[in-house]
Amino acid sequence: MLPIDPLYVALALLVAGIAGSFLPLVPGAGLSMLGVGYYWYVTGAPGAFGLVVLFGLGVVALAFDWVGGALAANVGGASTRTTAIAAVVTLPLLLVLGPLGLLVGVAGTVFALEYRRHDDVELALRAAAYATIGVLASTAMQVVVTTAMLAVFLLAVFL
């Protein structure tokens, strides 16, 4: 068996991290961090400072992944309880409908629970819109940050 260059493994994981940022339940930032960590472990590059910067970017991407949608829902007026229930309800929909299930689950659950809570369509629509936009914005930011990780990695390795 031929040995695989660590750079190719790291690049494959970093690119998979970008792709994973688009897909629900795929830890895009985690894959990117794994690629950086693997390359550092095998080669000692990009050095301590580069490693800290790259892992810092990974943590930022993870934060967007884990709290972006919930934070937006709270800003839109949804309760913490509503966002937690929406997360639980969304999982089976995500498995059945894929990314569409994520959007339908979040929007539908937040709307239904906030309407029940306030008996006001406008407030419920606002909370559902914020939550849905938050999920989409969170995904976009994950893509931006994991792409930045790839760019910084390439700069650190080749400069």
Foldseek 3Di string as FASTA:
>chain_A
DDDDDLVVQLLVLLVVLLVQLQFPPRNSLVSNLVSVVSCCVVPVPPDDVLNVVLVVLSVVLVCLVPCQLVVLLVVLPFDNVQQVVLVVQLVVLCVVPNPVSNLCSQLVSQLVVVCVVPVDNVSSNSSSVSSNVSNVVSSVSSSVSSVVSSVSRCVSVPD
